[in-house]
Amino acid sequence: MLQLTPSDFYTLYRPGKCENRVYLRQQGFEEAPPSPYEEVIRRLGGRHEASHLASFPVYTDLRQFALTDREQQTKHELQTGTPVIYQGRFRVHHRFGSMECEVIGEPDFLIRASDSYIIRDSKISRRINEEDHPEVILQLGLYGWLYEQVFGREPRSLEVHAGTGEIVSIPYDGGASALGVLEEIFTLKTMHSEAYSPVGWSKCGGCQFHDHCWKRAEEQNDCSLVYKVDQGLARELNRIGIADIDSLLKSFDEESLAELKRPWGKKFQKVGKAASTILLMAKAMSSKQEIMLEKPQVPDSPNYVMFDLEGIPPHLDELENIYLWGLQVFGEKPSDFMPAVAGFGEEGDKEGWNSFLQISETIFSEYGDIPFVHWHHYERVKIDTYIKRYGDPNGTAARVKANLLDLFPATQKSIALPLPSYSLKVVEKYIGFKRTQDEYGGDWAIAKYVEATELEDPVEREKVIEQILIYNREDLEATWAVLEWLRSKAMQV
């Protein structure tokens, strides 16, 4: 009998909503192993849940029972009014279409409240809402429906123990939303072939089926590979029979593409001004050649500071702290790699900021108002965050801000690249930059940093930090390589 569980919501929605992922997992397609980052998230999530469990002076742990026994034991504990039940299990038969399925749920906590129970799950996520985490809302809704089916009455409430430590209440709609999405999942699981689901750079980044789907998209020359073609537009193009990039170019000019309406949230919206950029990017992808749009706007300077930050995201750290401020001067008078690393104590975050300010002061003292070159807006945003957090007594951070040079818009505005993304990692490979580390990326660096925080041996911790420093230093070298490439393009125009 086909089984449907709350984990199916995660399959559908994480890391981005993808119908094809549900089918591939149901069919047993080979998946990539969990990344170091995913393993860290699981470990931290388990620790978060365990700490909440420890907050209850008395509870009954049902993990010791076999699965079918757990179902019966859950009923028994609920009927006898056990104060707190950990890892209960519900199973209900429900018909979707012409097929009867098993719907199974295992809530973390069942907490007695008068004559009923609160259903609570522990999540490391810090933002519990439908926009950021629809899968969490649906999961709790399904637990509520299962409880109601088994006991004939609604739960007292649905709650999430969030990553902030806050208890977030989830409205219960009788399971309507959860069952509606579960029916969609049932349809996807029972399809005879893969559904069309456009690839996307952020959508597919952490997916275990990334290689499978991207290989297929590249073989089919799918429109979703074109930079600025969003998910809604890719689906609309597929719906009207525009299957590949060449068909897109043959079927539309700028005016007609601008008038095309595609799904945009719960409404439809015209492509509008993006049409021009989309067609230019499609031409570059089709020809596999870059198209110069304008002279790259790169200020002339004998020296430039490459500037790159490594930080902990908001769902893992309350402060969203930067643990590494990487700087290095390139040009006529290059410097050594100058990392400002946050400490591991209570004042570690502030120590990292002060170290960054001191290094920046030294750079200004030696080089004057030198450009601080970075990729995208992260560095500018985080400087503002830290000025508010710890201040800028000598005005050094404000001076860094005044000298920031973002290469992302400079590249994007000047050259249409035959690439699906303008991520630094993609552009650096395009221009031929090679790294020494086989496995790298922001998520990898975060996983390594979390690993370092858990080590008590200072020697072992230093070894892990050194790996992160190598990654950051090569980020700076890659940024410099792209800057040089852009400057060479500027000379050709």
Protein backbone atom coordinates (compact mmCIF):
# COMPACT_ATOMS: atom_id res chain seq x y z
CA MET A 1 0.00 0.00 0.00
CA LEU A 2 1.31 3.43 -0.94
CA GLN A 3 2.47 5.39 2.10
CA LEU A 4 2.22 9.16 2.47
CA THR A 5 4.03 10.92 5.30
CA PRO A 6 4.87 14.47 6.42
CA SER A 7 8.38 13.98 5.00
CA ASP A 8 6.74 14.09 1.56
CA PHE A 9 6.06 17.79 2.16
CA TYR A 10 9.80 18.29 2.63
CA THR A 11 10.50 16.37 -0.56
CA LEU A 12 8.14 18.66 -2.46
CA TYR A 13 9.26 21.99 -0.98
CA ARG A 14 12.93 21.75 0.04
CA PRO A 15 15.30 23.22 -1.04
CA GLY A 16 12.74 24.73 -3.45
CA LYS A 17 9.37 23.46 -4.63
CA CYS A 18 9.89 20.72 -7.21
CA GLU A 19 7.26 18.26 -8.40
CA ASN A 20 9.83 16.11 -10.14
CA ARG A 21 11.73 15.44 -6.90
CA VAL A 22 8.69 13.63 -5.47
CA TYR A 23 8.51 11.31 -8.48
CA LEU A 24 12.25 10.63 -8.58
CA ARG A 25 12.38 9.71 -4.90
CA GLN A 26 9.31 7.47 -5.16
CA GLN A 27 10.86 5.67 -8.13
CA GLY A 28 14.12 5.12 -6.27
CA PHE A 29 16.38 7.18 -8.52
CA GLU A 30 19.92 7.45 -7.23
CA GLU A 31 20.45 10.39 -4.88
CA ALA A 32 23.63 12.24 -4.03
CA PRO A 33 24.77 11.65 -0.44
CA PRO A 34 23.97 14.37 2.12
CA SER A 35 26.39 17.29 1.94
CA PRO A 36 28.49 18.29 4.97
CA TYR A 37 26.10 21.21 5.44
CA GLU A 38 23.04 18.97 5.46
CA GLU A 39 24.69 16.69 8.01
CA VAL A 40 25.42 19.69 10.24
CA ILE A 41 21.80 20.85 9.96
CA ARG A 42 20.57 17.40 10.97
CA ARG A 43 22.94 17.24 13.91
CA LEU A 44 21.97 20.70 15.14
CA GLY A 45 18.30 19.88 14.63
CA GLY A 46 18.66 16.74 16.72
CA ARG A 47 20.41 18.70 19.44
CA HIS A 48 17.69 21.37 19.39
CA GLU A 49 15.00 18.71 19.77
CA ALA A 50 16.89 16.91 22.54
CA SER A 51 17.26 20.13 24.53
CA HIS A 52 13.50 20.70 24.34
CA LEU A 53 12.83 17.14 25.44
CA ALA A 54 15.07 17.69 28.45
CA SER A 55 12.91 20.66 29.48
CA PHE A 56 10.09 18.28 30.44
CA PRO A 57 10.61 16.79 33.93
CA VAL A 58 8.50 13.73 33.06
CA TYR A 59 7.80 12.20 29.66
CA THR A 60 7.21 8.83 28.00
CA ASP A 61 9.61 7.96 25.19
CA LEU A 62 8.07 5.61 22.60
CA ARG A 63 11.19 5.14 20.45
CA GLN A 64 11.82 1.81 22.19
CA PHE A 65 8.78 0.23 20.51
CA ALA A 66 8.55 -1.31 17.04
CA LEU A 67 6.57 0.85 14.58
CA THR A 68 3.24 -1.00 14.79
CA ASP A 69 3.59 -1.29 18.56
CA ARG A 70 4.26 2.44 18.74
CA GLU A 71 0.89 3.14 17.14
CA GLN A 72 -0.92 1.08 19.75
CA GLN A 73 1.20 2.47 22.56
CA THR A 74 0.48 6.04 21.41
CA LYS A 75 -3.26 5.35 21.63
CA HIS A 76 -2.82 3.80 25.07
CA GLU A 77 -0.77 6.73 26.42
CA LEU A 78 -3.26 9.26 25.06
CA GLN A 79 -6.23 7.39 26.51
CA THR A 80 -4.59 7.18 29.94
CA GLY A 81 -3.65 10.88 29.90
CA THR A 82 0.15 10.63 29.90
CA PRO A 83 1.49 14.20 30.43
CA VAL A 84 4.10 14.22 27.63
CA ILE A 85 4.51 11.62 24.87
CA TYR A 86 7.71 11.71 22.81
CA GLN A 87 7.81 10.25 19.28
CA GLY A 88 4.27 8.92 19.08
CA ARG A 89 2.94 7.48 15.83
CA PHE A 90 -0.39 7.70 13.98
CA ARG A 91 -1.53 5.68 10.95
CA VAL A 92 -4.78 6.16 9.03
CA HIS A 93 -6.11 4.65 5.78
CA HIS A 94 -7.34 7.31 3.36
CA ARG A 95 -8.49 7.13 -0.25
CA PHE A 96 -6.93 9.36 -2.88
CA GLY A 97 -8.67 8.90 -6.21
CA SER A 98 -9.30 5.19 -6.62
CA MET A 99 -6.42 4.11 -4.38
CA GLU A 100 -6.39 3.55 -0.66
CA CYS A 101 -3.19 4.78 0.99
CA GLU A 102 -1.61 4.74 4.42
CA VAL A 103 -1.08 8.20 5.89
CA ILE A 104 1.49 8.08 8.67
CA GLY A 105 2.73 10.76 11.05
CA GLU A 106 5.18 10.82 13.95
CA PRO A 107 4.94 14.10 15.90
CA ASP A 108 7.82 14.92 18.22
CA PHE A 109 5.69 15.83 21.23
CA LEU A 110 2.13 15.22 22.41
CA ILE A 111 1.52 17.41 25.47
CA ARG A 112 -1.58 16.99 27.61
CA ALA A 113 -3.71 20.10 28.02
CA SER A 114 -6.86 19.51 30.07
CA ASP A 115 -8.86 16.80 28.26
CA SER A 116 -6.96 17.09 24.97
CA TYR A 117 -3.41 17.30 23.62
CA ILE A 118 -1.12 19.90 22.10
CA ILE A 119 0.84 18.60 19.11
CA ARG A 120 4.30 20.15 18.98
CA ASP A 121 7.28 19.63 16.68
CA SER A 122 10.80 20.92 17.24
CA LYS A 123 12.36 22.71 14.23
CA ILE A 124 15.73 24.42 13.93
CA SER A 125 14.19 26.97 11.51
CA ARG A 126 13.83 30.43 13.01
CA ARG A 127 11.12 31.74 10.67
CA ILE A 128 8.00 29.61 10.92
CA ASN A 129 5.54 30.89 8.32
CA GLU A 130 3.91 29.81 5.06
CA GLU A 131 6.29 31.84 2.90
CA ASP A 132 9.57 30.54 4.34
CA HIS A 133 8.52 27.07 5.46
CA PRO A 134 5.19 25.86 4.02
CA GLU A 135 6.32 22.27 4.64
CA VAL A 136 6.37 22.86 8.40
CA ILE A 137 2.85 24.34 8.42
CA LEU A 138 1.56 21.42 6.32
CA GLN A 139 3.29 18.85 8.51
CA LEU A 140 1.63 20.16 11.66
CA GLY A 141 -1.71 20.32 9.87
CA LEU A 142 -1.39 16.68 8.89
CA TYR A 143 -0.54 15.68 12.46
CA GLY A 144 -3.68 17.47 13.61
CA TRP A 145 -5.81 15.66 11.04
CA LEU A 146 -4.33 12.27 11.98
CA TYR A 147 -5.01 12.93 15.65
CA GLU A 148 -8.59 13.87 14.85
CA GLN A 149 -9.10 10.75 12.71
CA VAL A 150 -7.80 8.46 15.44
CA PHE A 151 -9.52 10.08 18.44
CA GLY A 152 -12.57 11.75 16.93
CA ARG A 153 -11.75 15.24 18.22
CA GLU A 154 -9.44 18.08 17.32
CA PRO A 155 -6.11 18.59 19.10
CA ARG A 156 -6.00 21.42 21.59
CA SER A 157 -3.49 23.26 19.39
CA LEU A 158 -0.61 22.86 16.95
CA GLU A 159 2.78 24.31 17.87
CA VAL A 160 6.35 24.55 16.67
CA HIS A 161 9.35 24.83 18.96
CA ALA A 162 11.32 27.13 16.65
CA GLY A 163 15.07 27.65 16.38
CA THR A 164 14.70 30.85 18.38
CA GLY A 165 13.36 28.83 21.32
CA GLU A 166 9.95 30.46 20.78
CA ILE A 167 6.78 28.34 20.75
CA VAL A 168 4.92 29.30 17.56
CA SER A 169 1.22 28.53 17.27
CA ILE A 170 -0.01 27.07 13.95
CA PRO A 171 -3.70 27.54 12.97
CA TYR A 172 -5.57 24.26 12.42
CA ASP A 173 -7.88 24.12 9.38
CA GLY A 174 -9.10 20.58 9.92
CA GLY A 175 -6.29 19.25 7.74
CA ALA A 176 -7.73 20.75 4.54
CA SER A 177 -4.49 22.36 3.33
CA ALA A 178 -2.35 19.34 4.21
CA LEU A 179 -4.72 16.89 2.49
CA GLY A 180 -4.91 19.13 -0.59
CA VAL A 181 -1.12 19.12 -1.00
CA LEU A 182 -0.97 15.43 -0.07
CA GLU A 183 -3.34 14.70 -2.96
CA GLU A 184 -0.94 16.55 -5.27
CA ILE A 185 1.91 14.44 -3.88
CA PHE A 186 -0.13 11.26 -4.40
CA THR A 187 -0.62 12.21 -8.06
CA LEU A 188 3.11 12.88 -8.49
CA LYS A 189 4.08 9.59 -6.84
CA THR A 190 1.80 7.59 -9.11
CA MET A 191 2.76 9.24 -12.41
CA HIS A 192 4.12 7.07 -15.19
CA SER A 193 6.91 9.50 -16.12
CA GLU A 194 8.70 12.55 -14.79
CA ALA A 195 6.75 15.78 -14.44
CA TYR A 196 8.10 18.98 -15.99
CA SER A 197 9.75 21.04 -13.31
CA PRO A 198 12.13 23.76 -14.52
CA VAL A 199 15.62 23.81 -13.08
CA GLY A 200 16.74 26.84 -11.13
CA TRP A 201 20.04 27.88 -9.60
CA SER A 202 18.82 28.39 -6.03
CA LYS A 203 15.99 25.88 -6.33
CA CYS A 204 18.27 23.00 -7.30
CA GLY A 205 21.41 23.96 -5.41
CA GLY A 206 21.00 21.60 -2.44
CA CYS A 207 18.91 18.92 -4.13
CA GLN A 208 20.14 15.32 -4.21
CA PHE A 209 18.83 14.97 -7.78
CA HIS A 210 20.66 18.07 -9.05
CA ASP A 211 22.92 16.25 -11.49
CA HIS A 212 20.08 14.17 -12.94
CA CYS A 213 17.85 17.17 -13.66
CA TRP A 214 20.54 19.55 -14.88
CA LYS A 215 21.97 16.98 -17.26
CA ARG A 216 18.52 16.46 -18.75
CA ALA A 217 17.85 20.22 -18.98
CA GLU A 218 21.18 20.77 -20.77
CA GLU A 219 20.52 17.88 -23.17
CA GLN A 220 17.11 19.37 -24.01
CA ASN A 221 18.44 22.94 -24.12
CA ASP A 222 15.58 23.83 -21.78
CA CYS A 223 14.43 27.44 -21.50
CA SER A 224 14.84 27.39 -17.72
CA LEU A 225 18.61 27.46 -18.25
CA VAL A 226 18.37 31.04 -19.54
CA TYR A 227 19.36 33.63 -16.96
CA LYS A 228 16.33 35.75 -15.91
CA VAL A 229 13.82 33.09 -17.02
CA ASP A 230 12.00 32.52 -13.74
CA GLN A 231 10.09 29.40 -12.74
CA GLY A 232 6.71 30.81 -13.75
CA LEU A 233 7.92 31.86 -17.19
CA ALA A 234 9.63 28.51 -17.81
CA ARG A 235 6.40 26.69 -16.95
CA GLU A 236 4.33 28.95 -19.19
CA LEU A 237 6.74 28.49 -22.10
CA ASN A 238 6.60 24.73 -21.62
CA ARG A 239 2.79 24.85 -21.45
CA ILE A 240 2.50 26.63 -24.82
CA GLY A 241 4.97 24.27 -26.47
CA ILE A 242 8.19 26.32 -26.33
CA ALA A 243 10.43 23.44 -25.32
CA ASP A 244 13.93 24.80 -25.90
CA ILE A 245 16.00 27.97 -26.19
CA ASP A 246 16.08 28.00 -29.99
CA SER A 247 12.27 27.78 -30.09
CA LEU A 248 12.09 30.69 -27.67
CA LEU A 249 14.22 32.82 -29.99
CA LYS A 250 12.18 31.83 -33.08
CA SER A 251 8.80 32.38 -31.44
CA PHE A 252 9.30 35.74 -29.73
CA ASP A 253 10.72 39.17 -30.30
CA GLU A 254 11.15 41.68 -27.50
CA GLU A 255 7.67 43.15 -27.90
CA SER A 256 5.75 39.85 -27.97
CA LEU A 257 7.73 38.33 -25.10
CA ALA A 258 7.12 41.45 -23.01
CA GLU A 259 3.35 40.92 -23.45
CA LEU A 260 3.44 37.25 -22.44
CA LYS A 261 1.75 36.60 -19.09
CA ARG A 262 3.16 33.98 -16.77
CA PRO A 263 2.29 32.82 -13.22
CA TRP A 264 3.55 35.26 -10.59
CA GLY A 265 2.61 34.14 -7.11
CA LYS A 266 -1.16 33.64 -7.12
CA LYS A 267 -1.66 35.97 -10.11
CA PHE A 268 -0.36 36.38 -13.65
CA GLN A 269 2.07 39.09 -14.69
CA LYS A 270 3.55 40.21 -18.01
CA VAL A 271 7.24 39.57 -18.64
CA GLY A 272 7.62 43.28 -19.33
CA LYS A 273 11.05 44.96 -19.39
CA ALA A 274 12.85 41.69 -18.58
CA ALA A 275 12.10 40.50 -22.14
CA SER A 276 15.09 42.32 -23.62
CA THR A 277 17.56 40.77 -21.17
CA ILE A 278 16.00 37.32 -21.52
CA LEU A 279 16.34 37.31 -25.30
CA LEU A 280 19.94 38.55 -25.10
CA MET A 281 20.79 35.80 -22.61
CA ALA A 282 18.99 33.24 -24.78
CA LYS A 283 21.07 34.32 -27.81
CA ALA A 284 24.25 33.92 -25.78
CA MET A 285 23.16 30.47 -24.59
CA SER A 286 22.13 29.40 -28.08
CA SER A 287 25.38 30.55 -29.71
CA LYS A 288 27.49 29.54 -26.69
CA GLN A 289 29.21 32.89 -27.06
CA GLU A 290 29.20 35.97 -24.86
CA ILE A 291 27.63 39.19 -26.12
CA MET A 292 29.16 42.54 -25.17
CA LEU A 293 26.52 45.03 -24.08
CA GLU A 294 28.64 47.94 -22.92
CA LYS A 295 32.10 48.73 -21.65
CA PRO A 296 32.57 47.24 -18.16
CA GLN A 297 32.48 50.05 -15.59
CA VAL A 298 35.61 49.32 -13.54
CA PRO A 299 37.43 52.31 -12.02
CA ASP A 300 41.13 52.43 -12.82
CA SER A 301 43.42 51.88 -9.85
CA PRO A 302 46.97 50.54 -9.41
CA ASN A 303 45.74 48.31 -6.57
CA TYR A 304 42.47 46.75 -5.44
CA VAL A 305 41.39 45.04 -2.23
CA MET A 306 39.51 41.79 -2.78
CA PHE A 307 36.90 41.53 -0.04
CA ASP A 308 34.80 38.47 0.89
CA LEU A 309 32.85 37.47 4.00
CA GLU A 310 31.88 34.10 5.44
CA GLY A 311 28.86 34.13 7.73
CA ILE A 312 26.38 31.96 9.61
CA PRO A 313 22.81 32.19 8.18
CA PRO A 314 19.86 33.34 10.32
CA HIS A 315 18.38 29.85 10.82
CA LEU A 316 21.60 28.72 12.55
CA ASP A 317 22.60 31.77 14.55
CA GLU A 318 20.54 34.44 16.26
CA LEU A 319 22.97 37.23 15.35
CA GLU A 320 23.73 36.09 11.79
CA ASN A 321 27.39 36.58 12.69
CA ILE A 322 30.29 36.92 10.28
CA TYR A 323 33.03 34.53 11.34
CA LEU A 324 35.56 35.51 8.67
CA TRP A 325 36.32 38.87 7.03
CA GLY A 326 38.69 38.09 4.17
CA LEU A 327 40.88 40.81 2.59
CA GLN A 328 43.85 40.83 0.24
CA VAL A 329 45.37 43.56 -1.95
CA PHE A 330 46.12 42.70 -5.59
CA GLY A 331 47.78 44.83 -8.26
CA GLU A 332 51.10 46.67 -8.47
CA LYS A 333 51.75 46.38 -4.74
CA PRO A 334 50.07 43.14 -3.56
CA SER A 335 49.72 42.15 0.08
CA ASP A 336 49.49 38.86 1.92
CA PHE A 337 46.10 37.34 2.68
CA MET A 338 44.69 39.27 5.67
CA PRO A 339 41.81 37.37 7.32
CA ALA A 340 39.97 38.74 10.34
CA VAL A 341 38.64 35.66 12.14
CA ALA A 342 36.01 35.88 14.87
CA GLY A 343 36.94 34.34 18.19
CA PHE A 344 35.08 31.45 19.83
CA GLY A 345 34.27 33.13 23.15
CA GLU A 346 31.41 35.42 24.10
CA GLU A 347 33.22 38.43 22.63
CA GLY A 348 34.38 36.54 19.53
CA ASP A 349 31.98 38.24 17.11
CA LYS A 350 33.05 41.70 18.26
CA GLU A 351 36.71 40.67 18.12
CA GLY A 352 36.29 39.70 14.46
CA TRP A 353 34.70 43.08 13.66
CA ASN A 354 37.44 45.03 15.44
CA SER A 355 40.11 42.98 13.67
CA PHE A 356 38.46 43.79 10.31
CA LEU A 357 38.47 47.52 11.15
CA GLN A 358 42.14 47.41 12.16
CA ILE A 359 43.15 45.61 8.96
CA SER A 360 41.11 48.08 6.89
CA GLU A 361 42.75 51.04 8.65
CA THR A 362 46.17 49.57 7.84
CA ILE A 363 45.17 49.18 4.17
CA PHE A 364 43.93 52.78 3.92
CA SER A 365 47.07 54.02 5.63
CA GLU A 366 49.27 52.30 3.05
CA TYR A 367 47.15 52.55 -0.12
CA GLY A 368 44.80 55.51 0.36
CA ASP A 369 41.22 55.26 -0.93
CA ILE A 370 41.60 51.92 -2.64
CA PRO A 371 38.58 50.05 -4.12
CA PHE A 372 37.24 47.19 -1.97
CA VAL A 373 36.06 44.68 -4.57
CA HIS A 374 33.32 42.15 -3.72
CA TRP A 375 30.66 40.06 -5.45
CA HIS A 376 27.00 41.00 -4.93
CA HIS A 377 25.49 42.94 -2.02
CA TYR A 378 26.24 40.67 0.96
CA GLU A 379 29.33 42.60 2.07
CA ARG A 380 27.60 46.00 1.95
CA VAL A 381 24.60 44.69 3.93
CA LYS A 382 26.76 43.09 6.61
CA ILE A 383 28.92 46.18 7.09
CA ASP A 384 25.71 48.11 7.84
CA THR A 385 24.64 45.36 10.25
CA TYR A 386 27.91 45.50 12.17
CA ILE A 387 28.02 49.29 12.30
CA LYS A 388 24.63 49.15 14.04
CA ARG A 389 25.76 46.27 16.27
CA TYR A 390 29.17 47.51 17.46
CA GLY A 391 29.64 50.99 16.04
CA ASP A 392 32.32 52.55 13.83
CA PRO A 393 34.29 54.85 16.15
CA ASN A 394 36.93 55.96 13.63
CA GLY A 395 34.70 55.96 10.54
CA THR A 396 36.74 53.13 8.98
CA ALA A 397 33.72 51.00 8.04
CA ALA A 398 32.02 54.03 6.47
CA ARG A 399 35.19 54.60 4.42
CA VAL A 400 35.16 50.95 3.30
CA LYS A 401 31.53 51.36 2.24
CA ALA A 402 32.40 54.47 0.23
CA ASN A 403 35.06 52.48 -1.64
CA LEU A 404 33.05 49.32 -2.32
CA LEU A 405 33.06 48.02 -5.89
CA ASP A 406 30.46 45.32 -6.61
CA LEU A 407 31.58 43.22 -9.59
CA PHE A 408 28.25 41.41 -9.92
CA PRO A 409 26.28 44.30 -11.52
CA ALA A 410 29.39 45.41 -13.39
CA THR A 411 29.57 41.99 -15.06
CA GLN A 412 25.82 41.57 -15.53
CA LYS A 413 25.33 44.96 -17.22
CA SER A 414 28.29 44.69 -19.55
CA ILE A 415 28.30 41.10 -20.85
CA ALA A 416 25.57 38.58 -21.67
CA LEU A 417 27.23 35.31 -20.73
CA PRO A 418 26.22 31.87 -22.04
CA LEU A 419 25.65 30.74 -18.46
CA PRO A 420 22.60 29.91 -16.31
CA SER A 421 23.83 32.06 -13.43
CA TYR A 422 26.06 35.03 -12.60
CA SER A 423 27.23 33.39 -9.38
CA LEU A 424 30.94 33.94 -8.77
CA LYS A 425 31.46 30.16 -8.73
CA VAL A 426 29.93 29.89 -12.22
CA VAL A 427 31.68 32.91 -13.72
CA GLU A 428 35.10 31.94 -12.33
CA LYS A 429 34.86 28.52 -13.99
CA TYR A 430 33.81 30.16 -17.26
CA ILE A 431 36.94 32.32 -17.35
CA GLY A 432 39.16 29.35 -16.45
CA PHE A 433 39.90 29.90 -12.76
CA LYS A 434 40.71 26.67 -10.91
CA ARG A 435 40.62 26.00 -7.18
CA THR A 436 42.80 23.62 -5.18
CA GLN A 437 39.96 22.22 -3.03
CA ASP A 438 37.67 19.64 -4.61
CA GLU A 439 34.74 20.42 -2.34
CA TYR A 440 34.00 24.06 -1.68
CA GLY A 441 31.17 26.53 -1.33
CA GLY A 442 29.53 28.76 1.25
CA ASP A 443 27.52 25.88 2.73
CA TRP A 444 30.67 23.75 2.97
CA ALA A 445 32.46 26.56 4.80
CA ILE A 446 29.55 26.95 7.24
CA ALA A 447 29.63 23.21 7.96
CA LYS A 448 33.36 23.37 8.60
CA TYR A 449 32.99 26.36 10.91
CA VAL A 450 30.28 24.64 12.95
CA GLU A 451 32.61 21.63 13.14
CA ALA A 452 35.35 23.92 14.48
CA THR A 453 33.07 25.35 17.19
CA GLU A 454 32.42 21.81 18.45
CA LEU A 455 36.09 20.87 18.77
CA GLU A 456 37.76 21.24 22.17
CA ASP A 457 41.28 20.49 20.94
CA PRO A 458 42.73 23.87 19.80
CA VAL A 459 45.14 22.14 17.40
CA GLU A 460 42.32 20.25 15.64
CA ARG A 461 40.21 23.41 15.59
CA GLU A 462 43.06 25.32 13.94
CA LYS A 463 43.30 22.66 11.21
CA VAL A 464 39.63 23.08 10.36
CA ILE A 465 39.88 26.89 10.36
CA GLU A 466 42.85 26.62 8.02
CA GLN A 467 40.67 24.78 5.48
CA ILE A 468 38.13 27.62 5.63
CA LEU A 469 40.90 30.18 5.20
CA ILE A 470 42.10 28.40 2.07
CA TYR A 471 38.55 28.52 0.69
CA ASN A 472 38.18 32.22 1.48
CA ARG A 473 41.61 33.08 0.07
CA GLU A 474 40.69 31.34 -3.18
CA ASP A 475 37.42 33.29 -3.22
CA LEU A 476 39.54 36.44 -3.21
CA GLU A 477 41.80 35.08 -5.94
CA ALA A 478 38.74 34.18 -8.02
CA THR A 479 37.32 37.70 -7.59
CA TRP A 480 40.64 39.16 -8.69
CA ALA A 481 40.69 36.85 -11.74
CA VAL A 482 37.21 38.07 -12.74
CA LEU A 483 38.23 41.69 -12.19
CA GLU A 484 41.26 41.27 -14.44
CA TRP A 485 39.08 39.58 -17.04
CA LEU A 486 36.61 42.48 -16.92
CA ARG A 487 39.40 45.03 -17.24
CA SER A 488 40.71 43.21 -20.30
CA LYS A 489 37.20 43.32 -21.79
CA ALA A 490 37.01 47.05 -21.11
CA MET A 491 40.22 47.57 -23.08
CA GLN A 492 38.74 45.71 -26.07
CA VAL A 493 35.68 47.96 -26.35
